[in-house]
Each structure stands twice: as structure tokens, then as C-alpha cells.
N, C-alpha and C. Protein backbone atom coordinates (compact mmCIF):
# COMPACT_ATOMS: atom_id res chain seq x y z
N MET A 1 0.98 -1.14 -0.23
CA MET A 1 0.19 0.31 -0.01
C MET A 1 0.47 1.26 -0.08
N ALA A 2 0.28 2.31 -0.49
CA ALA A 2 1.17 3.43 -0.43
C ALA A 2 0.38 4.33 0.49
N LEU A 3 1.53 5.21 1.31
CA LEU A 3 1.56 5.91 2.29
C LEU A 3 1.59 7.16 2.00
N ILE A 4 0.51 7.77 2.23
CA ILE A 4 0.46 9.34 1.66
C ILE A 4 0.18 10.13 3.66
N LYS A 5 1.02 10.84 3.65
CA LYS A 5 1.62 11.80 4.62
C LYS A 5 1.33 13.06 4.40
N PHE A 6 0.68 13.99 5.41
CA PHE A 6 -0.03 15.45 5.84
C PHE A 6 0.43 16.13 6.45
N TYR A 7 0.71 17.02 5.82
CA TYR A 7 1.90 18.24 6.87
C TYR A 7 1.06 19.47 6.19
N ALA A 8 0.71 20.21 7.98
CA ALA A 8 0.77 21.93 7.99
C ALA A 8 -0.81 21.55 7.89
N ALA A 9 -1.52 22.48 6.93
CA ALA A 9 -3.13 22.82 6.60
C ALA A 9 -3.01 21.42 6.19
N ALA A 10 -2.63 20.39 5.30
CA ALA A 10 -3.77 19.29 4.86
C ALA A 10 -3.76 18.46 5.80
N ARG A 11 -2.93 18.45 7.08
CA ARG A 11 -3.27 17.20 8.28
C ARG A 11 -4.34 18.33 9.07
N GLN A 12 -4.29 19.48 9.04
CA GLN A 12 -6.16 19.86 9.16
C GLN A 12 -6.58 19.53 8.75
N PHE A 13 -6.94 19.59 7.10
CA PHE A 13 -7.85 18.92 6.81
C PHE A 13 -8.14 17.57 6.50
N ALA A 14 -7.17 16.47 6.35
CA ALA A 14 -7.38 15.22 6.69
C ALA A 14 -7.37 14.60 7.83
N LYS A 15 -7.29 15.87 8.81
CA LYS A 15 -7.23 14.99 10.59
C LYS A 15 -6.81 13.90 10.73
N GLN A 16 -5.79 14.01 9.96
CA GLN A 16 -5.06 12.66 10.53
C GLN A 16 -3.80 12.93 9.90
N ARG A 17 -2.59 12.05 10.27
CA ARG A 17 -0.67 12.49 9.79
C ARG A 17 -0.62 11.57 8.83
N GLU A 18 -1.33 10.72 8.41
CA GLU A 18 -1.11 9.91 7.43
C GLU A 18 -2.15 8.63 7.10
N ILE A 19 -2.14 8.19 5.84
CA ILE A 19 -3.12 7.09 5.60
C ILE A 19 -2.25 6.18 4.78
N GLU A 20 -2.68 4.77 4.93
CA GLU A 20 -2.53 4.28 3.72
C GLU A 20 -3.41 3.66 2.94
N VAL A 21 -2.88 3.64 1.55
CA VAL A 21 -4.15 3.72 0.67
C VAL A 21 -3.50 2.38 -0.37
N MET A 22 -4.39 1.91 -1.72
CA MET A 22 -4.51 0.95 -2.65
C MET A 22 -4.41 2.10 -3.81
N ILE A 23 -3.53 2.49 -4.66
CA ILE A 23 -3.83 3.40 -5.46
C ILE A 23 -2.96 3.68 -6.29
N SER A 24 -2.94 4.29 -7.80
CA SER A 24 -1.76 3.85 -8.72
C SER A 24 -2.05 4.91 -9.94
N ASN A 25 -2.81 5.53 -9.49
CA ASN A 25 -2.18 6.94 -10.34
C ASN A 25 -2.75 8.41 -9.56
N LYS A 26 -2.38 9.61 -10.42
CA LYS A 26 -2.99 10.67 -9.64
C LYS A 26 -4.66 10.81 -9.49
N ASP A 27 -5.07 9.79 -10.48
CA ASP A 27 -6.78 10.14 -10.45
C ASP A 27 -7.26 9.47 -9.15
N GLU A 28 -6.85 8.60 -8.63
CA GLU A 28 -6.82 7.94 -7.64
C GLU A 28 -6.69 8.31 -6.09
N LEU A 29 -5.59 9.00 -6.66
CA LEU A 29 -5.21 9.87 -5.31
C LEU A 29 -6.04 11.12 -5.14
N PHE A 30 -6.47 11.65 -5.75
CA PHE A 30 -7.50 12.92 -6.00
C PHE A 30 -8.30 12.06 -5.09
N SER A 31 -8.95 10.78 -5.83
CA SER A 31 -10.24 9.94 -5.05
C SER A 31 -10.46 10.07 -3.55
N GLU A 32 -8.70 9.58 -3.37
CA GLU A 32 -8.44 9.16 -2.09
C GLU A 32 -8.75 10.57 -0.67
N LEU A 33 -7.65 11.67 -1.82
CA LEU A 33 -7.63 12.85 -0.88
C LEU A 33 -9.30 13.21 -0.95
N ASN A 34 -10.25 13.29 -1.46
CA ASN A 34 -11.47 13.54 -1.68
C ASN A 34 -12.60 12.36 -0.71
N ASN A 35 -11.77 11.61 -0.44
CA ASN A 35 -12.99 10.89 0.80
C ASN A 35 -12.11 10.81 2.52
N VAL A 36 -10.99 11.14 2.28
CA VAL A 36 -10.06 11.75 3.70
C VAL A 36 -10.52 12.84 3.97
N GLY A 37 -10.53 13.51 3.72
CA GLY A 37 -10.80 15.31 3.96
C GLY A 37 -11.69 15.72 3.45
N SER A 38 -11.98 17.12 3.57
CA SER A 38 -13.01 17.74 3.04
C SER A 38 -12.94 18.37 1.62
N SER A 39 -13.58 19.39 0.65
CA SER A 39 -13.66 19.45 -0.43
C SER A 39 -12.09 20.74 -0.06
N GLN A 40 -11.70 21.28 1.24
CA GLN A 40 -10.90 21.81 1.41
C GLN A 40 -9.31 21.13 0.78
N LEU A 41 -9.50 19.20 1.23
CA LEU A 41 -7.94 19.27 1.42
C LEU A 41 -7.89 18.97 -0.27
N THR A 42 -9.14 18.90 -0.77
CA THR A 42 -8.91 18.09 -2.42
C THR A 42 -8.14 19.47 -3.22
N LYS A 43 -8.78 20.91 -2.98
CA LYS A 43 -8.41 22.13 -3.33
C LYS A 43 -7.27 22.35 -3.07
N LEU A 44 -6.52 21.90 -1.94
CA LEU A 44 -5.31 22.28 -1.12
C LEU A 44 -4.32 21.28 -2.24
N ALA A 45 -4.79 20.16 -2.92
CA ALA A 45 -4.13 19.38 -3.30
C ALA A 45 -3.53 20.40 -5.10
N GLU A 46 -4.54 20.56 -5.20
CA GLU A 46 -4.36 21.40 -6.64
C GLU A 46 -3.07 22.15 -6.49
N ILE A 47 -2.84 22.63 -5.72
CA ILE A 47 -1.67 23.84 -5.27
C ILE A 47 -0.45 23.04 -4.45
N SER A 48 -0.66 22.74 -3.95
CA SER A 48 0.58 21.84 -2.96
C SER A 48 1.66 21.26 -4.21
N THR A 49 2.70 20.68 -3.08
CA THR A 49 4.07 20.29 -4.03
C THR A 49 3.67 18.71 -3.04
N PHE A 50 3.93 17.68 -3.85
CA PHE A 50 4.24 16.30 -3.73
C PHE A 50 5.49 15.60 -3.59
N LEU A 51 6.31 15.23 -2.77
CA LEU A 51 7.33 14.78 -2.99
C LEU A 51 6.64 13.39 -2.60
N ILE A 52 7.46 12.21 -3.81
CA ILE A 52 7.16 10.57 -3.90
C ILE A 52 8.57 9.96 -3.65
N ASN A 53 8.98 9.53 -2.42
CA ASN A 53 10.00 8.60 -2.18
C ASN A 53 11.33 9.77 -2.38
N GLY A 54 10.96 11.29 -1.74
CA GLY A 54 11.77 12.19 -1.91
C GLY A 54 11.95 12.95 -3.09
N LYS A 55 11.26 12.85 -3.95
CA LYS A 55 11.75 13.53 -5.32
C LYS A 55 10.07 14.22 -5.61
N ARG A 56 10.20 15.46 -6.17
CA ARG A 56 9.23 16.77 -6.05
C ARG A 56 8.29 16.55 -7.42
N PHE A 57 6.95 16.76 -7.22
CA PHE A 57 6.18 17.07 -8.08
C PHE A 57 4.99 17.44 -7.91
N SER A 58 4.42 18.03 -8.54
CA SER A 58 3.11 18.81 -8.73
C SER A 58 2.23 17.88 -8.90
N LEU A 59 0.88 18.53 -8.49
CA LEU A 59 -0.34 17.33 -8.96
C LEU A 59 -0.14 16.30 -10.35
N ASP A 60 -0.24 17.55 -11.52
CA ASP A 60 0.14 17.54 -12.64
C ASP A 60 1.23 16.69 -13.37
N GLU A 61 1.97 16.64 -12.41
CA GLU A 61 3.10 15.90 -12.82
C GLU A 61 3.47 14.40 -12.50
N ILE A 62 2.23 13.96 -11.76
CA ILE A 62 2.34 12.75 -10.95
C ILE A 62 1.38 11.58 -12.40
N ASN A 63 2.29 10.64 -12.57
CA ASN A 63 1.32 9.62 -13.21
C ASN A 63 1.19 8.39 -12.50
N GLU A 64 2.31 7.23 -12.78
CA GLU A 64 2.35 5.94 -11.77
C GLU A 64 2.59 6.41 -10.18
N ILE A 65 1.73 5.61 -9.82
CA ILE A 65 1.81 5.13 -7.75
C ILE A 65 1.93 4.25 -7.97
N ARG A 66 3.26 3.57 -6.79
CA ARG A 66 3.86 2.29 -6.40
C ARG A 66 3.06 1.84 -5.23
N ASN A 67 2.95 0.99 -5.10
CA ASN A 67 2.49 0.39 -3.49
C ASN A 67 3.57 0.69 -2.96
N SER A 68 4.58 0.70 -2.71
CA SER A 68 5.56 0.71 -1.79
C SER A 68 5.95 2.41 -2.09
N ASP A 69 5.33 2.97 -2.56
CA ASP A 69 5.47 4.78 -2.68
C ASP A 69 5.24 5.35 -1.68
N VAL A 70 6.21 6.66 -0.79
CA VAL A 70 5.58 7.25 0.42
C VAL A 70 5.25 8.81 -0.06
N ILE A 71 4.25 8.95 0.02
CA ILE A 71 3.66 10.39 -1.06
C ILE A 71 3.52 11.59 -0.18
N GLU A 72 4.43 12.61 0.20
CA GLU A 72 3.68 13.95 1.29
C GLU A 72 3.46 14.97 0.53
N MET A 73 2.24 15.22 1.13
CA MET A 73 1.28 16.05 0.58
C MET A 73 2.29 17.40 1.50
N LEU A 74 3.07 18.55 0.72
CA LEU A 74 2.99 19.29 1.55
C LEU A 74 2.55 21.14 0.59
N PRO A 75 1.58 21.46 1.58
CA PRO A 75 1.08 22.72 1.05
C PRO A 75 1.88 23.65 0.81
N PRO A 76 1.26 24.85 0.50
CA PRO A 76 2.02 26.13 0.26
C PRO A 76 2.27 26.62 2.07
N PHE A 77 3.41 27.15 2.24
CA PHE A 77 3.92 27.52 3.68
C PHE A 77 4.14 28.68 3.72
N ALA A 78 3.28 29.98 4.40
CA ALA A 78 3.69 30.93 4.57
C ALA A 78 4.69 31.23 5.21
N GLY A 79 5.54 32.21 4.96
CA GLY A 79 7.08 32.82 5.82
C GLY A 79 6.89 34.05 5.24
N GLY A 80 8.30 34.59 5.63
CA GLY A 80 9.13 35.90 5.84
C GLY A 80 10.25 36.37 6.20
């Protein structure tokens, strides 16, 4: 199973730190995010950065997901 880890606002909307899911592509990822959180989580996913096994991807760049993948959802962070 793929492991999805949530950070910052994503964790707040998901109401959990991580989930394990059976997914193989970005459409299934998006569907799982919709199932886990509110519509706020899926909207946040559209502007978030994802790390898959430590490599950076936008949602549009994600193609194949393997069961052994660790996916980290990083929403935009405020800073200064």
C-alpha cells in the first residue's frame, strides 16, 4: 500500500498524519484525498507540492504510483 503523509494545513483538513491506500495514479490519489478530507483538502492538493519517495512533483506531474511509494503532501507554507 502507498503511504500518504500530510503536513501543515493538509494535516488539519485530513484530520490525521498519514493514511495507507491502494492507488496507482493521480486520479486515484485525488479520489482518496476527497474521501479522507473535506473539499478543502482536494482544493489544497491542486496547489500543493508532492514528494514521492523524496522526489518533488506537482499534482499534474504525477503519473504512476506504486504500492511501495511514500507520498508527502506539502501545501504552500507562509514565510517571511
